[in-house]
Amino acid sequence: MKTIVNITLAAALLLTAPLAAFAQEFTKGTVKKVDVAGKKVTITHEDLKNLDMPGMTMVFRVKDDAIFAKLKEGANIEFIAERADGKLVVAQVK
């Protein structure tokens, strides 16, 4: 009986472990410039831990046009940046 419980527990852990890899951390930043026509935004941000980058000011592509509604110059935001097609993009904003 103990063996069945141990196997079940191990299987459950194996199924949930990959989900942790997909959990991304939001990063704090301040919007400096918004370029809707160019689909870009300039953000001064804290360390991007998921990309192993220090805090700095940089230009990001915007993954989805709907994100622009949350991007106003001077606004303090929390966002997720990721690499897509070799470029850095803002994937989510809250």
C-alpha atoms as a PDB file:
ATOM      1  CA  MET A   1       0.000   0.000   0.000  1.00  0.00           C
ATOM      2  CA  LYS A   2       2.840   2.392   0.839  1.00  0.00           C
ATOM      3  CA  THR A   3       4.326   1.771  -2.597  1.00  0.00           C
ATOM      4  CA  ILE A   4       1.101   2.807  -4.335  1.00  0.00           C
ATOM      5  CA  VAL A   5       0.910   5.994  -2.252  1.00  0.00           C
ATOM      6  CA  ASN A   6       4.552   6.823  -3.001  1.00  0.00           C
ATOM      7  CA  ILE A   7       4.097   6.219  -6.727  1.00  0.00           C
ATOM      8  CA  THR A   8       0.944   8.357  -6.787  1.00  0.00           C
ATOM      9  CA  LEU A   9       2.684  11.158  -4.903  1.00  0.00           C
ATOM     10  CA  ALA A  10       5.704  11.024  -7.224  1.00  0.00           C
ATOM     11  CA  ALA A  11       3.448  11.139 -10.292  1.00  0.00           C
ATOM     12  CA  ALA A  12       1.578  14.155  -8.916  1.00  0.00           C
ATOM     13  CA  LEU A  13       4.843  15.990  -8.282  1.00  0.00           C
ATOM     14  CA  LEU A  14       6.097  15.231 -11.779  1.00  0.00           C
ATOM     15  CA  LEU A  15       2.916  16.598 -13.310  1.00  0.00           C
ATOM     16  CA  THR A  16       2.973  19.868 -11.361  1.00  0.00           C
ATOM     17  CA  ALA A  17       6.720  20.597 -11.503  1.00  0.00           C
ATOM     18  CA  PRO A  18       6.717  21.872 -15.108  1.00  0.00           C
ATOM     19  CA  LEU A  19       4.052  24.449 -14.238  1.00  0.00           C
ATOM     20  CA  ALA A  20       6.505  26.277 -11.988  1.00  0.00           C
ATOM     21  CA  ALA A  21       8.799  26.823 -14.963  1.00  0.00           C
ATOM     22  CA  PHE A  22       6.018  28.699 -16.757  1.00  0.00           C
ATOM     23  CA  ALA A  23       5.223  30.996 -13.845  1.00  0.00           C
ATOM     24  CA  GLN A  24       6.754  34.338 -14.701  1.00  0.00           C
ATOM     25  CA  GLU A  25       7.420  37.147 -12.314  1.00  0.00           C
ATOM     26  CA  PHE A  26       6.159  40.660 -12.979  1.00  0.00           C
ATOM     27  CA  THR A  27       8.826  43.389 -13.034  1.00  0.00           C
ATOM     28  CA  LYS A  28       8.292  46.979 -11.896  1.00  0.00           C
ATOM     29  CA  GLY A  29       8.989  49.743 -14.369  1.00  0.00           C
ATOM     30  CA  THR A  30       8.142  53.265 -15.503  1.00  0.00           C
ATOM     31  CA  VAL A  31       6.936  53.995 -19.024  1.00  0.00           C
ATOM     32  CA  LYS A  32       9.136  56.639 -20.656  1.00  0.00           C
ATOM     33  CA  LYS A  33       7.834  56.661 -24.242  1.00  0.00           C
ATOM     34  CA  VAL A  34       5.027  54.973 -26.164  1.00  0.00           C
ATOM     35  CA  ASP A  35       5.281  54.463 -29.947  1.00  0.00           C
ATOM     36  CA  VAL A  36       1.994  52.921 -31.073  1.00  0.00           C
ATOM     37  CA  ALA A  37       2.827  53.230 -34.796  1.00  0.00           C
ATOM     38  CA  GLY A  38       6.152  51.446 -34.278  1.00  0.00           C
ATOM     39  CA  LYS A  39       4.598  48.965 -31.821  1.00  0.00           C
ATOM     40  CA  LYS A  40       7.284  49.835 -29.241  1.00  0.00           C
ATOM     41  CA  VAL A  41       7.527  51.140 -25.701  1.00  0.00           C
ATOM     42  CA  THR A  42      10.491  52.502 -23.736  1.00  0.00           C
ATOM     43  CA  ILE A  43      10.567  51.399 -20.096  1.00  0.00           C
ATOM     44  CA  THR A  44      12.950  52.071 -17.207  1.00  0.00           C
ATOM     45  CA  HIS A  45      12.771  48.796 -15.302  1.00  0.00           C
ATOM     46  CA  GLU A  46      14.134  46.799 -12.380  1.00  0.00           C
ATOM     47  CA  ASP A  47      16.118  43.593 -12.972  1.00  0.00           C
ATOM     48  CA  LEU A  48      14.462  41.243 -15.469  1.00  0.00           C
ATOM     49  CA  LYS A  49      15.179  38.022 -13.595  1.00  0.00           C
ATOM     50  CA  ASN A  50      13.659  35.703 -16.205  1.00  0.00           C
ATOM     51  CA  LEU A  51      15.940  37.232 -18.876  1.00  0.00           C
ATOM     52  CA  ASP A  52      18.968  37.619 -16.563  1.00  0.00           C
ATOM     53  CA  MET A  53      19.195  41.361 -17.303  1.00  0.00           C
ATOM     54  CA  PRO A  54      19.974  44.191 -14.877  1.00  0.00           C
ATOM     55  CA  GLY A  55      17.699  47.181 -14.432  1.00  0.00           C
ATOM     56  CA  MET A  56      18.010  49.793 -17.180  1.00  0.00           C
ATOM     57  CA  THR A  57      16.041  51.857 -19.691  1.00  0.00           C
ATOM     58  CA  MET A  58      15.302  50.031 -22.917  1.00  0.00           C
ATOM     59  CA  VAL A  59      12.923  49.713 -25.843  1.00  0.00           C
ATOM     60  CA  PHE A  60      10.614  46.710 -26.073  1.00  0.00           C
ATOM     61  CA  ARG A  61       8.285  45.528 -28.802  1.00  0.00           C
ATOM     62  CA  VAL A  62       4.668  45.169 -27.690  1.00  0.00           C
ATOM     63  CA  LYS A  63       3.257  41.669 -28.160  1.00  0.00           C
ATOM     64  CA  ASP A  64      -0.413  42.636 -28.435  1.00  0.00           C
ATOM     65  CA  ASP A  65      -1.911  46.002 -29.446  1.00  0.00           C
ATOM     66  CA  ALA A  66      -4.402  45.740 -26.557  1.00  0.00           C
ATOM     67  CA  ILE A  67      -1.470  46.252 -24.159  1.00  0.00           C
ATOM     68  CA  PHE A  68      -1.083  49.858 -25.365  1.00  0.00           C
ATOM     69  CA  ALA A  69      -4.247  50.776 -23.416  1.00  0.00           C
ATOM     70  CA  LYS A  70      -2.243  50.175 -20.208  1.00  0.00           C
ATOM     71  CA  LEU A  71       0.868  52.073 -21.329  1.00  0.00           C
ATOM     72  CA  LYS A  72       0.877  55.809 -20.630  1.00  0.00           C
ATOM     73  CA  GLU A  73       4.041  57.931 -20.470  1.00  0.00           C
ATOM     74  CA  GLY A  74       5.096  58.388 -16.842  1.00  0.00           C
ATOM     75  CA  ALA A  75       2.955  55.488 -15.594  1.00  0.00           C
ATOM     76  CA  ASN A  76       4.377  53.041 -13.077  1.00  0.00           C
ATOM     77  CA  ILE A  77       3.620  49.526 -14.280  1.00  0.00           C
ATOM     78  CA  GLU A  78       4.324  45.886 -13.568  1.00  0.00           C
ATOM     79  CA  PHE A  79       5.041  43.849 -16.669  1.00  0.00           C
ATOM     80  CA  ILE A  80       6.347  40.578 -18.030  1.00  0.00           C
ATOM     81  CA  ALA A  81       9.027  40.736 -20.711  1.00  0.00           C
ATOM     82  CA  GLU A  82      10.065  37.762 -22.808  1.00  0.00           C
ATOM     83  CA  ARG A  83      12.033  36.899 -25.918  1.00  0.00           C
ATOM     84  CA  ALA A  84      10.035  36.316 -29.093  1.00  0.00           C
ATOM     85  CA  ASP A  85      11.635  35.829 -32.494  1.00  0.00           C
ATOM     86  CA  GLY A  86      14.941  37.129 -31.119  1.00  0.00           C
ATOM     87  CA  LYS A  87      13.423  40.369 -29.815  1.00  0.00           C
ATOM     88  CA  LEU A  88      12.428  41.497 -26.338  1.00  0.00           C
ATOM     89  CA  VAL A  89       8.694  42.040 -26.006  1.00  0.00           C
ATOM     90  CA  VAL A  90       6.255  43.171 -23.355  1.00  0.00           C
ATOM     91  CA  ALA A  91       3.915  40.202 -23.051  1.00  0.00           C
ATOM     92  CA  GLN A  92       1.704  41.318 -20.132  1.00  0.00           C
ATOM     93  CA  VAL A  93       1.021  44.471 -18.119  1.00  0.00           C
ATOM     94  CA  LYS A  94      -0.944  44.911 -14.914  1.00  0.00           C
END
